[in-house]
Structure formats: structure tokens, C-alpha cells
């Protein structure tokens, strides 16, 4: 896995596939973590937890921006295909693996273009 470009490891597999897989499983780790921070912030100062709840929105927007900056439209396509592959992993493992393989190939092409 060390031979894969950084873009493929972080964005295609990390942002795309892993995010889709967590949705398929029914767990949103980012929401759990930010929810815990929001509860802690609200216990310290009332109303401050709302700002912390914006963190997932901001981090998703920043991740998409950097995926586009590093891979262009082709990179975003690879992330989207990997995301779909992660979502369907539990229902159709073979199709999911095919989509992930396609996403990795597109991600490699996208990372070579930039």
C-alpha cells in the first residue's frame, strides 16, 4: 500500500471508501466525536457546543476542496466512485471491490496528471 500515491491513500480510500463504509455500517465516527466535544463544551459554557457541531461541515468542505486541488475533476470522480463502493460493500461485496479498483485506477491517473 506504500506504493500507492498519497492522493489515492488519503482521499480515494480514506475519504471515499471509508466514509461510504461507515455510512453502510450505520456509524458516523465524526458525528460521535463532535457530539462528545459539543456536550463537553456545553457543560463548560452554554451555547458553545453549536460551534463545535459545525466542524463536520467545515472538515467535509475542506476535504472536498483538497481532493479537487490534488486530483481535479478526475480525482473527485475517483472519490465519488470509492464512496459508492463503500456504501454498497455490505450488500454487494464483489461489485464494491470492482468499484474500488476502478476508483484506485482513476485516482492514480488523477494524481499523475497533477
PDB file of N, CA and C in Angstrom:
ATOM      1  N   UNK A   1       0.825  -1.188   0.000  1.00  0.00           N
ATOM      2  CA  UNK A   1       0.000   0.000   0.000  1.00  0.00           C
ATOM      3  C   UNK A   1       0.873   1.257   0.000  1.00  0.00           C
ATOM      4  N   UNK A   2       2.125   1.152   0.407  1.00  0.00           N
ATOM      5  CA  UNK A   2       3.010   2.317   0.418  1.00  0.00           C
ATOM      6  C   UNK A   2       3.304   2.822  -0.984  1.00  0.00           C
ATOM      7  N   UNK A   3       3.114   1.974  -1.983  1.00  0.00           N
ATOM      8  CA  UNK A   3       3.411   2.355  -3.364  1.00  0.00           C
ATOM      9  C   UNK A   3       2.308   3.210  -3.981  1.00  0.00           C
ATOM     10  N   UNK A   4       1.105   3.180  -3.389  1.00  0.00           N
ATOM     11  CA  UNK A   4       0.014   3.993  -3.922  1.00  0.00           C
ATOM     12  C   UNK A   4       0.293   5.468  -3.669  1.00  0.00           C
ATOM     13  N   UNK A   5      -0.071   6.320  -4.608  1.00  0.00           N
ATOM     14  CA  UNK A   5       0.123   7.757  -4.397  1.00  0.00           C
ATOM     15  C   UNK A   5      -0.659   8.252  -3.176  1.00  0.00           C
ATOM     16  N   UNK A   6      -0.165   9.321  -2.605  1.00  0.00           N
ATOM     17  CA  UNK A   6      -0.779   9.933  -1.425  1.00  0.00           C
ATOM     18  C   UNK A   6      -2.257  10.230  -1.667  1.00  0.00           C
ATOM     19  N   UNK A   7      -2.581  10.754  -2.836  1.00  0.00           N
ATOM     20  CA  UNK A   7      -3.965  11.096  -3.157  1.00  0.00           C
ATOM     21  C   UNK A   7      -4.872   9.872  -3.054  1.00  0.00           C
ATOM     22  N   UNK A   8      -4.413   8.737  -3.564  1.00  0.00           N
ATOM     23  CA  UNK A   8      -5.230   7.522  -3.542  1.00  0.00           C
ATOM     24  C   UNK A   8      -5.416   7.037  -2.113  1.00  0.00           C
ATOM     25  N   UNK A   9      -4.343   7.009  -1.334  1.00  0.00           N
ATOM     26  CA  UNK A   9      -4.438   6.518   0.038  1.00  0.00           C
ATOM     27  C   UNK A   9      -5.334   7.396   0.901  1.00  0.00           C
ATOM     28  N   UNK A  10      -5.144   8.706   0.819  1.00  0.00           N
ATOM     29  CA  UNK A  10      -5.864   9.609   1.714  1.00  0.00           C
ATOM     30  C   UNK A  10      -7.268   9.915   1.229  1.00  0.00           C
ATOM     31  N   UNK A  11      -7.402  10.277  -0.029  1.00  0.00           N
ATOM     32  CA  UNK A  11      -8.695  10.749  -0.500  1.00  0.00           C
ATOM     33  C   UNK A  11      -9.575   9.635  -1.070  1.00  0.00           C
ATOM     34  N   UNK A  12      -9.044   8.798  -1.948  1.00  0.00           N
ATOM     35  CA  UNK A  12      -9.879   7.762  -2.555  1.00  0.00           C
ATOM     36  C   UNK A  12     -10.253   6.707  -1.516  1.00  0.00           C
ATOM     37  N   UNK A  13      -9.262   6.186  -0.804  1.00  0.00           N
ATOM     38  CA  UNK A  13      -9.548   5.137   0.174  1.00  0.00           C
ATOM     39  C   UNK A  13     -10.061   5.735   1.489  1.00  0.00           C
ATOM     40  N   UNK A  14      -9.402   6.775   1.966  1.00  0.00           N
ATOM     41  CA  UNK A  14      -9.791   7.366   3.251  1.00  0.00           C
ATOM     42  C   UNK A  14     -11.092   8.142   3.200  1.00  0.00           C
ATOM     43  N   UNK A  15     -11.139   9.150   2.364  1.00  0.00           N
ATOM     44  CA  UNK A  15     -12.339   9.997   2.286  1.00  0.00           C
ATOM     45  C   UNK A  15     -13.471   9.284   1.568  1.00  0.00           C
ATOM     46  N   UNK A  16     -13.182   8.631   0.456  1.00  0.00           N
ATOM     47  CA  UNK A  16     -14.231   7.995  -0.333  1.00  0.00           C
ATOM     48  C   UNK A  16     -14.731   6.693   0.266  1.00  0.00           C
ATOM     49  N   UNK A  17     -13.905   5.654   0.188  1.00  0.00           N
ATOM     50  CA  UNK A  17     -14.347   4.324   0.608  1.00  0.00           C
ATOM     51  C   UNK A  17     -14.684   4.262   2.097  1.00  0.00           C
ATOM     52  N   UNK A  18     -13.801   4.743   2.950  1.00  0.00           N
ATOM     53  CA  UNK A  18     -14.036   4.636   4.396  1.00  0.00           C
ATOM     54  C   UNK A  18     -15.300   5.379   4.813  1.00  0.00           C
ATOM     55  N   UNK A  19     -15.533   6.555   4.257  1.00  0.00           N
ATOM     56  CA  UNK A  19     -16.750   7.303   4.588  1.00  0.00           C
ATOM     57  C   UNK A  19     -17.994   6.537   4.165  1.00  0.00           C
ATOM     58  N   UNK A  20     -17.966   5.998   2.962  1.00  0.00           N
ATOM     59  CA  UNK A  20     -19.098   5.208   2.495  1.00  0.00           C
ATOM     60  C   UNK A  20     -19.316   3.959   3.329  1.00  0.00           C
ATOM     61  N   UNK A  21     -18.231   3.294   3.707  1.00  0.00           N
ATOM     62  CA  UNK A  21     -18.334   2.087   4.517  1.00  0.00           C
ATOM     63  C   UNK A  21     -18.954   2.385   5.874  1.00  0.00           C
ATOM     64  N   UNK A  22     -18.520   3.482   6.521  1.00  0.00           N
ATOM     65  CA  UNK A  22     -19.087   3.830   7.830  1.00  0.00           C
ATOM     66  C   UNK A  22     -20.569   4.145   7.725  1.00  0.00           C
ATOM     67  N   UNK A  23     -20.981   4.746   6.624  1.00  0.00           N
ATOM     68  CA  UNK A  23     -22.408   5.002   6.424  1.00  0.00           C
ATOM     69  C   UNK A  23     -23.148   3.675   6.260  1.00  0.00           C
ATOM     70  N   UNK A  24     -22.557   2.732   5.506  1.00  0.00           N
ATOM     71  CA  UNK A  24     -23.185   1.419   5.313  1.00  0.00           C
ATOM     72  C   UNK A  24     -23.345   0.675   6.632  1.00  0.00           C
ATOM     73  N   UNK A  25     -22.359   0.800   7.506  1.00  0.00           N
ATOM     74  CA  UNK A  25     -22.405   0.131   8.793  1.00  0.00           C
ATOM     75  C   UNK A  25     -23.397   0.823   9.725  1.00  0.00           C
ATOM     76  N   UNK A  26     -23.616   2.110   9.512  1.00  0.00           N
ATOM     77  CA  UNK A  26     -24.555   2.858  10.348  1.00  0.00           C
ATOM     78  C   UNK A  26     -23.890   3.649  11.452  1.00  0.00           C
ATOM     79  N   UNK A  27     -22.595   3.846  11.327  1.00  0.00           N
ATOM     80  CA  UNK A  27     -21.851   4.602  12.336  1.00  0.00           C
ATOM     81  C   UNK A  27     -21.211   5.802  11.655  1.00  0.00           C
ATOM     82  N   UNK A  28     -21.319   6.942  12.282  1.00  0.00           N
ATOM     83  CA  UNK A  28     -20.638   8.132  11.786  1.00  0.00           C
ATOM     84  C   UNK A  28     -19.630   8.565  12.848  1.00  0.00           C
ATOM     85  N   UNK A  29     -18.370   8.118  12.718  1.00  0.00           N
ATOM     86  CA  UNK A  29     -17.390   8.409  13.767  1.00  0.00           C
ATOM     87  C   UNK A  29     -17.201   9.906  14.005  1.00  0.00           C
ATOM     88  N   UNK A  30     -17.271  10.685  12.934  1.00  0.00           N
ATOM     89  CA  UNK A  30     -17.089  12.129  13.080  1.00  0.00           C
ATOM     90  C   UNK A  30     -18.213  12.740  13.920  1.00  0.00           C
ATOM     91  N   UNK A  31     -19.443  12.281  13.717  1.00  0.00           N
ATOM     92  CA  UNK A  31     -20.573  12.793  14.487  1.00  0.00           C
ATOM     93  C   UNK A  31     -20.465  12.392  15.959  1.00  0.00           C
ATOM     94  N   UNK A  32     -19.991  11.184  16.223  1.00  0.00           N
ATOM     95  CA  UNK A  32     -19.831  10.727  17.601  1.00  0.00           C
ATOM     96  C   UNK A  32     -18.795  11.579  18.322  1.00  0.00           C
ATOM     97  N   UNK A  33     -17.676  11.810  17.656  1.00  0.00           N
ATOM     98  CA  UNK A  33     -16.595  12.591  18.275  1.00  0.00           C
ATOM     99  C   UNK A  33     -17.019  14.041  18.492  1.00  0.00           C
ATOM    100  N   UNK A  34     -17.597  14.664  17.455  1.00  0.00           N
ATOM    101  CA  UNK A  34     -18.006  16.070  17.612  1.00  0.00           C
ATOM    102  C   UNK A  34     -19.161  16.204  18.592  1.00  0.00           C
ATOM    103  N   UNK A  35     -20.031  15.185  18.663  1.00  0.00           N
ATOM    104  CA  UNK A  35     -21.112  15.209  19.657  1.00  0.00           C
ATOM    105  C   UNK A  35     -20.565  15.204  21.073  1.00  0.00           C
ATOM    106  N   UNK A  36     -19.530  14.404  21.301  1.00  0.00           N
ATOM    107  CA  UNK A  36     -18.898  14.368  22.623  1.00  0.00           C
ATOM    108  C   UNK A  36     -18.240  15.703  22.953  1.00  0.00           C
ATOM    109  N   UNK A  37     -17.556  16.303  21.965  1.00  0.00           N
ATOM    110  CA  UNK A  37     -16.957  17.622  22.186  1.00  0.00           C
ATOM    111  C   UNK A  37     -18.022  18.675  22.444  1.00  0.00           C
ATOM    112  N   UNK A  38     -19.146  18.607  21.729  1.00  0.00           N
ATOM    113  CA  UNK A  38     -20.227  19.577  21.917  1.00  0.00           C
ATOM    114  C   UNK A  38     -20.821  19.469  23.311  1.00  0.00           C
ATOM    115  N   UNK A  39     -21.011  18.243  23.800  1.00  0.00           N
ATOM    116  CA  UNK A  39     -21.525  18.064  25.160  1.00  0.00           C
ATOM    117  C   UNK A  39     -20.558  18.639  26.186  1.00  0.00           C
ATOM    118  N   UNK A  40     -19.261  18.386  25.990  1.00  0.00           N
ATOM    119  CA  UNK A  40     -18.258  18.920  26.916  1.00  0.00           C
ATOM    120  C   UNK A  40     -18.233  20.443  26.876  1.00  0.00           C
ATOM    121  N   UNK A  41     -18.315  21.021  25.674  1.00  0.00           N
ATOM    122  CA  UNK A  41     -18.297  22.470  25.546  1.00  0.00           C
ATOM    123  C   UNK A  41     -19.549  23.091  26.156  1.00  0.00           C
ATOM    124  N   UNK A  42     -20.695  22.450  25.984  1.00  0.00           N
ATOM    125  CA  UNK A  42     -21.934  22.962  26.581  1.00  0.00           C
ATOM    126  C   UNK A  42     -21.895  22.897  28.094  1.00  0.00           C
ATOM    127  N   UNK A  43     -21.223  21.895  28.654  1.00  0.00           N
ATOM    128  CA  UNK A  43     -21.128  21.812  30.105  1.00  0.00           C
ATOM    129  C   UNK A  43     -20.226  22.910  30.657  1.00  0.00           C
ATOM    130  N   UNK A  44     -19.275  23.367  29.861  1.00  0.00           N
ATOM    131  CA  UNK A  44     -18.384  24.450  30.290  1.00  0.00           C
ATOM    132  C   UNK A  44     -19.051  25.802  30.092  1.00  0.00           C
ATOM    133  N   UNK A  45     -19.606  26.010  28.896  1.00  0.00           N
ATOM    134  CA  UNK A  45     -20.229  27.287  28.569  1.00  0.00           C
ATOM    135  C   UNK A  45     -21.455  27.017  27.699  1.00  0.00           C
ATOM    136  N   UNK A  46     -22.608  27.417  28.184  1.00  0.00           N
ATOM    137  CA  UNK A  46     -23.852  27.147  27.469  1.00  0.00           C
ATOM    138  C   UNK A  46     -23.852  27.797  26.084  1.00  0.00           C
ATOM    139  N   UNK A  47     -24.209  27.022  25.066  1.00  0.00           N
ATOM    140  CA  UNK A  47     -24.309  27.538  23.701  1.00  0.00           C
ATOM    141  C   UNK A  47     -23.052  27.392  22.873  1.00  0.00           C
ATOM    142  N   UNK A  48     -21.935  27.070  23.492  1.00  0.00           N
ATOM    143  CA  UNK A  48     -20.689  26.961  22.731  1.00  0.00           C
ATOM    144  C   UNK A  48     -20.605  25.655  21.949  1.00  0.00           C
ATOM    145  N   UNK A  49     -21.441  24.677  22.283  1.00  0.00           N
ATOM    146  CA  UNK A  49     -21.417  23.403  21.578  1.00  0.00           C
ATOM    147  C   UNK A  49     -21.910  23.506  20.149  1.00  0.00           C
ATOM    148  N   UNK A  50     -22.696  24.535  19.847  1.00  0.00           N
ATOM    149  CA  UNK A  50     -23.213  24.710  18.486  1.00  0.00           C
ATOM    150  C   UNK A  50     -22.074  24.954  17.507  1.00  0.00           C
ATOM    151  N   UNK A  51     -21.089  25.707  17.903  1.00  0.00           N
ATOM    152  CA  UNK A  51     -19.936  25.979  17.035  1.00  0.00           C
ATOM    153  C   UNK A  51     -19.195  24.684  16.720  1.00  0.00           C
ATOM    154  N   UNK A  52     -19.063  23.815  17.707  1.00  0.00           N
ATOM    155  CA  UNK A  52     -18.355  22.556  17.505  1.00  0.00           C
ATOM    156  C   UNK A  52     -19.122  21.658  16.543  1.00  0.00           C
ATOM    157  N   UNK A  53     -20.447  21.756  16.517  1.00  0.00           N
ATOM    158  CA  UNK A  53     -21.235  20.930  15.608  1.00  0.00           C
ATOM    159  C   UNK A  53     -21.024  21.328  14.147  1.00  0.00           C
ATOM    160  N   UNK A  54     -20.444  22.494  13.891  1.00  0.00           N
ATOM    161  CA  UNK A  54     -20.134  22.913  12.522  1.00  0.00           C
ATOM    162  C   UNK A  54     -18.848  22.270  12.000  1.00  0.00           C
ATOM    163  N   UNK A  55     -18.073  21.674  12.871  1.00  0.00           N
ATOM    164  CA  UNK A  55     -16.791  21.086  12.481  1.00  0.00           C
ATOM    165  C   UNK A  55     -16.950  20.025  11.377  1.00  0.00           C
ATOM    166  N   UNK A  56     -17.936  19.104  11.446  1.00  0.00           N
ATOM    167  CA  UNK A  56     -18.059  18.124  10.352  1.00  0.00           C
ATOM    168  C   UNK A  56     -18.334  18.776   8.996  1.00  0.00           C
ATOM    169  N   UNK A  57     -19.135  19.815   8.988  1.00  0.00           N
ATOM    170  CA  UNK A  57     -19.440  20.506   7.731  1.00  0.00           C
ATOM    171  C   UNK A  57     -18.180  21.164   7.175  1.00  0.00           C
ATOM    172  N   UNK A  58     -17.449  21.828   8.038  1.00  0.00           N
ATOM    173  CA  UNK A  58     -16.226  22.508   7.616  1.00  0.00           C
ATOM    174  C   UNK A  58     -15.176  21.500   7.171  1.00  0.00           C
ATOM    175  N   UNK A  59     -15.007  20.424   7.924  1.00  0.00           N
ATOM    176  CA  UNK A  59     -13.980  19.436   7.551  1.00  0.00           C
ATOM    177  C   UNK A  59     -14.334  18.721   6.250  1.00  0.00           C
ATOM    178  N   UNK A  60     -15.610  18.468   6.011  1.00  0.00           N
ATOM    179  CA  UNK A  60     -16.013  17.853   4.741  1.00  0.00           C
ATOM    180  C   UNK A  60     -15.741  18.788   3.578  1.00  0.00           C
ATOM    181  N   UNK A  61     -16.087  20.065   3.748  1.00  0.00           N
ATOM    182  CA  UNK A  61     -15.838  21.049   2.686  1.00  0.00           C
ATOM    183  C   UNK A  61     -14.347  21.183   2.398  1.00  0.00           C
ATOM    184  N   UNK A  62     -13.529  21.212   3.436  1.00  0.00           N
ATOM    185  CA  UNK A  62     -12.079  21.322   3.255  1.00  0.00           C
ATOM    186  C   UNK A  62     -11.527  20.067   2.576  1.00  0.00           C
ATOM    187  N   UNK A  63     -12.023  18.895   2.963  1.00  0.00           N
ATOM    188  CA  UNK A  63     -11.571  17.641   2.347  1.00  0.00           C
ATOM    189  C   UNK A  63     -11.911  17.605   0.865  1.00  0.00           C
ATOM    190  N   UNK A  64     -13.123  18.016   0.516  1.00  0.00           N
ATOM    191  CA  UNK A  64     -13.523  18.036  -0.891  1.00  0.00           C
ATOM    192  C   UNK A  64     -12.685  19.040  -1.670  1.00  0.00           C
ATOM    193  N   UNK A  65     -12.415  20.195  -1.062  1.00  0.00           N
ATOM    194  CA  UNK A  65     -11.586  21.202  -1.727  1.00  0.00           C
ATOM    195  C   UNK A  65     -10.190  20.647  -2.013  1.00  0.00           C
ATOM    196  N   UNK A  66      -9.569  20.008  -1.020  1.00  0.00           N
ATOM    197  CA  UNK A  66      -8.223  19.476  -1.226  1.00  0.00           C
ATOM    198  C   UNK A  66      -8.209  18.289  -2.183  1.00  0.00           C
ATOM    199  N   UNK A  67      -9.280  17.480  -2.167  1.00  0.00           N
ATOM    200  CA  UNK A  67      -9.371  16.391  -3.145  1.00  0.00           C
ATOM    201  C   UNK A  67      -9.416  16.970  -4.548  1.00  0.00           C
ATOM    202  N   UNK A  68     -10.163  18.052  -4.741  1.00  0.00           N
ATOM    203  CA  UNK A  68     -10.217  18.705  -6.048  1.00  0.00           C
ATOM    204  C   UNK A  68      -8.869  19.348  -6.391  1.00  0.00           C
ATOM    205  N   UNK A  69      -8.251  19.989  -5.399  1.00  0.00           N
ATOM    206  CA  UNK A  69      -6.970  20.657  -5.638  1.00  0.00           C
ATOM    207  C   UNK A  69      -5.883  19.659  -6.028  1.00  0.00           C
ATOM    208  N   UNK A  70      -5.913  18.468  -5.449  1.00  0.00           N
ATOM    209  CA  UNK A  70      -4.871  17.482  -5.734  1.00  0.00           C
ATOM    210  C   UNK A  70      -5.188  16.595  -6.933  1.00  0.00           C
ATOM    211  N   UNK A  71      -6.478  16.360  -7.213  1.00  0.00           N
ATOM    212  CA  UNK A  71      -6.819  15.424  -8.266  1.00  0.00           C
ATOM    213  C   UNK A  71      -7.722  15.972  -9.354  1.00  0.00           C
ATOM    214  N   UNK A  72      -8.174  17.191  -9.202  1.00  0.00           N
ATOM    215  CA  UNK A  72      -9.068  17.779 -10.194  1.00  0.00           C
ATOM    216  C   UNK A  72     -10.400  17.044 -10.244  1.00  0.00           C
ATOM    217  N   UNK A  73     -11.110  17.236 -11.358  1.00  0.00           N
ATOM    218  CA  UNK A  73     -12.414  16.590 -11.517  1.00  0.00           C
ATOM    219  C   UNK A  73     -12.280  15.078 -11.577  1.00  0.00           C
ATOM    220  N   UNK A  74     -11.208  14.607 -12.147  1.00  0.00           N
ATOM    221  CA  UNK A  74     -10.977  13.168 -12.220  1.00  0.00           C
ATOM    222  C   UNK A  74     -10.783  12.589 -10.817  1.00  0.00           C
ATOM    223  N   UNK A  75     -10.094  13.331  -9.970  1.00  0.00           N
ATOM    224  CA  UNK A  75      -9.899  12.906  -8.584  1.00  0.00           C
ATOM    225  C   UNK A  75     -11.208  12.869  -7.813  1.00  0.00           C
ATOM    226  N   UNK A  76     -12.055  13.876  -8.027  1.00  0.00           N
ATOM    227  CA  UNK A  76     -13.360  13.882  -7.360  1.00  0.00           C
ATOM    228  C   UNK A  76     -14.216  12.713  -7.838  1.00  0.00           C
ATOM    229  N   UNK A  77     -14.103  12.386  -9.115  1.00  0.00           N
ATOM    230  CA  UNK A  77     -14.819  11.225  -9.648  1.00  0.00           C
ATOM    231  C   UNK A  77     -14.346   9.948  -8.950  1.00  0.00           C
ATOM    232  N   UNK A  78     -13.045   9.813  -8.769  1.00  0.00           N
ATOM    233  CA  UNK A  78     -12.490   8.638  -8.089  1.00  0.00           C
ATOM    234  C   UNK A  78     -12.989   8.555  -6.656  1.00  0.00           C
ATOM    235  N   UNK A  79     -13.022   9.678  -5.958  1.00  0.00           N
ATOM    236  CA  UNK A  79     -13.513   9.696  -4.577  1.00  0.00           C
ATOM    237  C   UNK A  79     -14.996   9.315  -4.546  1.00  0.00           C
ATOM    238  N   UNK A  80     -15.777   9.835  -5.485  1.00  0.00           N
ATOM    239  CA  UNK A  80     -17.202   9.510  -5.539  1.00  0.00           C
ATOM    240  C   UNK A  80     -17.451   8.038  -5.821  1.00  0.00           C
ATOM    241  N   UNK A  81     -16.702   7.460  -6.742  1.00  0.00           N
ATOM    242  CA  UNK A  81     -16.861   6.033  -7.053  1.00  0.00           C
ATOM    243  C   UNK A  81     -16.464   5.190  -5.840  1.00  0.00           C
ATOM    244  N   UNK A  82     -15.383   5.568  -5.157  1.00  0.00           N
ATOM    245  CA  UNK A  82     -14.964   4.835  -3.958  1.00  0.00           C
ATOM    246  C   UNK A  82     -16.012   4.955  -2.857  1.00  0.00           C
ATOM    247  N   UNK A  83     -16.640   6.129  -2.741  1.00  0.00           N
ATOM    248  CA  UNK A  83     -17.693   6.349  -1.749  1.00  0.00           C
ATOM    249  C   UNK A  83     -18.869   5.397  -2.011  1.00  0.00           C
ATOM    250  N   UNK A  84     -19.278   5.302  -3.258  1.00  0.00           N
ATOM    251  CA  UNK A  84     -20.365   4.383  -3.623  1.00  0.00           C
ATOM    252  C   UNK A  84     -19.940   2.939  -3.344  1.00  0.00           C
ATOM    253  N   UNK A  85     -18.687   2.620  -3.649  1.00  0.00           N
ATOM    254  CA  UNK A  85     -18.176   1.282  -3.344  1.00  0.00           C
ATOM    255  C   UNK A  85     -18.222   0.972  -1.860  1.00  0.00           C
ATOM    256  N   UNK A  86     -17.936   1.956  -1.036  1.00  0.00           N
ATOM    257  CA  UNK A  86     -18.017   1.759   0.416  1.00  0.00           C
ATOM    258  C   UNK A  86     -19.439   1.574   0.898  1.00  0.00           C
ATOM    259  N   UNK A  87     -20.366   2.330   0.319  1.00  0.00           N
ATOM    260  CA  UNK A  87     -21.769   2.231   0.734  1.00  0.00           C
ATOM    261  C   UNK A  87     -22.351   0.852   0.403  1.00  0.00           C
ATOM    262  N   UNK A  88     -22.000   0.312  -0.747  1.00  0.00           N
ATOM    263  CA  UNK A  88     -22.601  -0.972  -1.155  1.00  0.00           C
ATOM    264  C   UNK A  88     -21.788  -2.188  -0.711  1.00  0.00           C
ATOM    265  N   UNK A  89     -20.713  -1.981   0.023  1.00  0.00           N
ATOM    266  CA  UNK A  89     -19.817  -3.067   0.406  1.00  0.00           C
ATOM    267  C   UNK A  89     -20.539  -4.218   1.098  1.00  0.00           C
ATOM    268  N   UNK A  90     -21.443  -3.928   2.016  1.00  0.00           N
ATOM    269  CA  UNK A  90     -22.126  -4.980   2.765  1.00  0.00           C
ATOM    270  C   UNK A  90     -23.165  -5.717   1.928  1.00  0.00           C
ATOM    271  N   UNK A  91     -23.738  -5.047   0.944  1.00  0.00           N
ATOM    272  CA  UNK A  91     -24.779  -5.668   0.118  1.00  0.00           C
ATOM    273  C   UNK A  91     -24.218  -6.408  -1.093  1.00  0.00           C
ATOM    274  N   UNK A  92     -23.178  -5.869  -1.681  1.00  0.00           N
ATOM    275  CA  UNK A  92     -22.609  -6.465  -2.891  1.00  0.00           C
ATOM    276  C   UNK A  92     -21.091  -6.306  -2.854  1.00  0.00           C
ATOM    277  N   UNK A  93     -20.454  -7.222  -2.191  1.00  0.00           N
ATOM    278  CA  UNK A  93     -19.008  -7.122  -1.966  1.00  0.00           C
ATOM    279  C   UNK A  93     -18.217  -7.144  -3.273  1.00  0.00           C
ATOM    280  N   UNK A  94     -18.593  -8.004  -4.194  1.00  0.00           N
ATOM    281  CA  UNK A  94     -17.854  -8.117  -5.458  1.00  0.00           C
ATOM    282  C   UNK A  94     -17.944  -6.810  -6.243  1.00  0.00           C
ATOM    283  N   UNK A  95     -19.153  -6.274  -6.395  1.00  0.00           N
ATOM    284  CA  UNK A  95     -19.328  -5.013  -7.112  1.00  0.00           C
ATOM    285  C   UNK A  95     -18.583  -3.885  -6.403  1.00  0.00           C
ATOM    286  N   UNK A  96     -18.615  -3.899  -5.080  1.00  0.00           N
ATOM    287  CA  UNK A  96     -17.900  -2.896  -4.306  1.00  0.00           C
ATOM    288  C   UNK A  96     -16.402  -2.954  -4.574  1.00  0.00           C
ATOM    289  N   UNK A  97     -15.842  -4.153  -4.594  1.00  0.00           N
ATOM    290  CA  UNK A  97     -14.411  -4.297  -4.846  1.00  0.00           C
ATOM    291  C   UNK A  97     -14.051  -3.858  -6.267  1.00  0.00           C
ATOM    292  N   UNK A  98     -14.940  -4.139  -7.220  1.00  0.00           N
ATOM    293  CA  UNK A  98     -14.714  -3.677  -8.596  1.00  0.00           C
ATOM    294  C   UNK A  98     -14.716  -2.156  -8.635  1.00  0.00           C
ATOM    295  N   UNK A  99     -15.687  -1.530  -7.958  1.00  0.00           N
ATOM    296  CA  UNK A  99     -15.750  -0.063  -7.940  1.00  0.00           C
ATOM    297  C   UNK A  99     -14.527   0.543  -7.263  1.00  0.00           C
ATOM    298  N   UNK A 100     -14.069  -0.080  -6.194  1.00  0.00           N
ATOM    299  CA  UNK A 100     -12.883   0.436  -5.507  1.00  0.00           C
ATOM    300  C   UNK A 100     -11.658   0.315  -6.409  1.00  0.00           C
ATOM    301  N   UNK A 101     -11.542  -0.802  -7.125  1.00  0.00           N
ATOM    302  CA  UNK A 101     -10.419  -0.969  -8.049  1.00  0.00           C
ATOM    303  C   UNK A 101     -10.467   0.087  -9.150  1.00  0.00           C
ATOM    304  N   UNK A 102     -11.655   0.343  -9.690  1.00  0.00           N
ATOM    305  CA  UNK A 102     -11.811   1.386 -10.713  1.00  0.00           C
ATOM    306  C   UNK A 102     -11.452   2.748 -10.125  1.00  0.00           C
ATOM    307  N   UNK A 103     -11.906   3.010  -8.906  1.00  0.00           N
ATOM    308  CA  UNK A 103     -11.611   4.296  -8.261  1.00  0.00           C
ATOM    309  C   UNK A 103     -10.112   4.461  -8.031  1.00  0.00           C
ATOM    310  N   UNK A 104      -9.437   3.396  -7.654  1.00  0.00           N
ATOM    311  CA  UNK A 104      -7.988   3.476  -7.428  1.00  0.00           C
ATOM    312  C   UNK A 104      -7.267   3.774  -8.742  1.00  0.00           C
ATOM    313  N   UNK A 105      -7.672   3.107  -9.818  1.00  0.00           N
ATOM    314  CA  UNK A 105      -7.045   3.361 -11.118  1.00  0.00           C
ATOM    315  C   UNK A 105      -7.280   4.808 -11.535  1.00  0.00           C
ATOM    316  N   UNK A 106      -8.515   5.283 -11.401  1.00  0.00           N
ATOM    317  CA  UNK A 106      -8.810   6.685 -11.748  1.00  0.00           C
ATOM    318  C   UNK A 106      -8.031   7.625 -10.844  1.00  0.00           C
ATOM    319  N   UNK A 107      -7.927   7.288  -9.554  1.00  0.00           N
ATOM    320  CA  UNK A 107      -7.160   8.113  -8.625  1.00  0.00           C
ATOM    321  C   UNK A 107      -5.686   8.182  -8.972  1.00  0.00           C
ATOM    322  N   UNK A 108      -5.125   7.060  -9.429  1.00  0.00           N
ATOM    323  CA  UNK A 108      -3.724   7.052  -9.856  1.00  0.00           C
ATOM    324  C   UNK A 108      -3.550   7.945 -11.082  1.00  0.00           C
ATOM    325  N   UNK A 109      -4.489   7.836 -12.025  1.00  0.00           N
ATOM    326  CA  UNK A 109      -4.438   8.700 -13.202  1.00  0.00           C
ATOM    327  C   UNK A 109      -4.569  10.168 -12.811  1.00  0.00           C
ATOM    328  N   UNK A 110      -5.468  10.460 -11.885  1.00  0.00           N
ATOM    329  CA  UNK A 110      -5.680  11.829 -11.441  1.00  0.00           C
ATOM    330  C   UNK A 110      -4.446  12.384 -10.720  1.00  0.00           C
ATOM    331  N   UNK A 111      -3.788  11.537  -9.929  1.00  0.00           N
ATOM    332  CA  UNK A 111      -2.616  12.008  -9.183  1.00  0.00           C
ATOM    333  C   UNK A 111      -1.417  12.189 -10.112  1.00  0.00           C
ATOM    334  N   UNK A 112      -1.371  11.466 -11.227  1.00  0.00           N
ATOM    335  CA  UNK A 112      -0.283  11.641 -12.197  1.00  0.00           C
ATOM    336  C   UNK A 112      -0.464  12.892 -13.048  1.00  0.00           C
ATOM    337  N   UNK A 113      -1.732  13.306 -13.228  1.00  0.00           N
ATOM    338  CA  UNK A 113      -1.993  14.494 -14.022  1.00  0.00           C
ATOM    339  C   UNK A 113      -1.562  15.758 -13.301  1.00  0.00           C
ATOM    340  N   UNK A 114      -1.649  15.760 -11.967  1.00  0.00           N
ATOM    341  CA  UNK A 114      -1.316  16.985 -11.207  1.00  0.00           C
ATOM    342  C   UNK A 114       0.056  16.914 -10.617  1.00  0.00           C
TER     343      UNK A 114
END
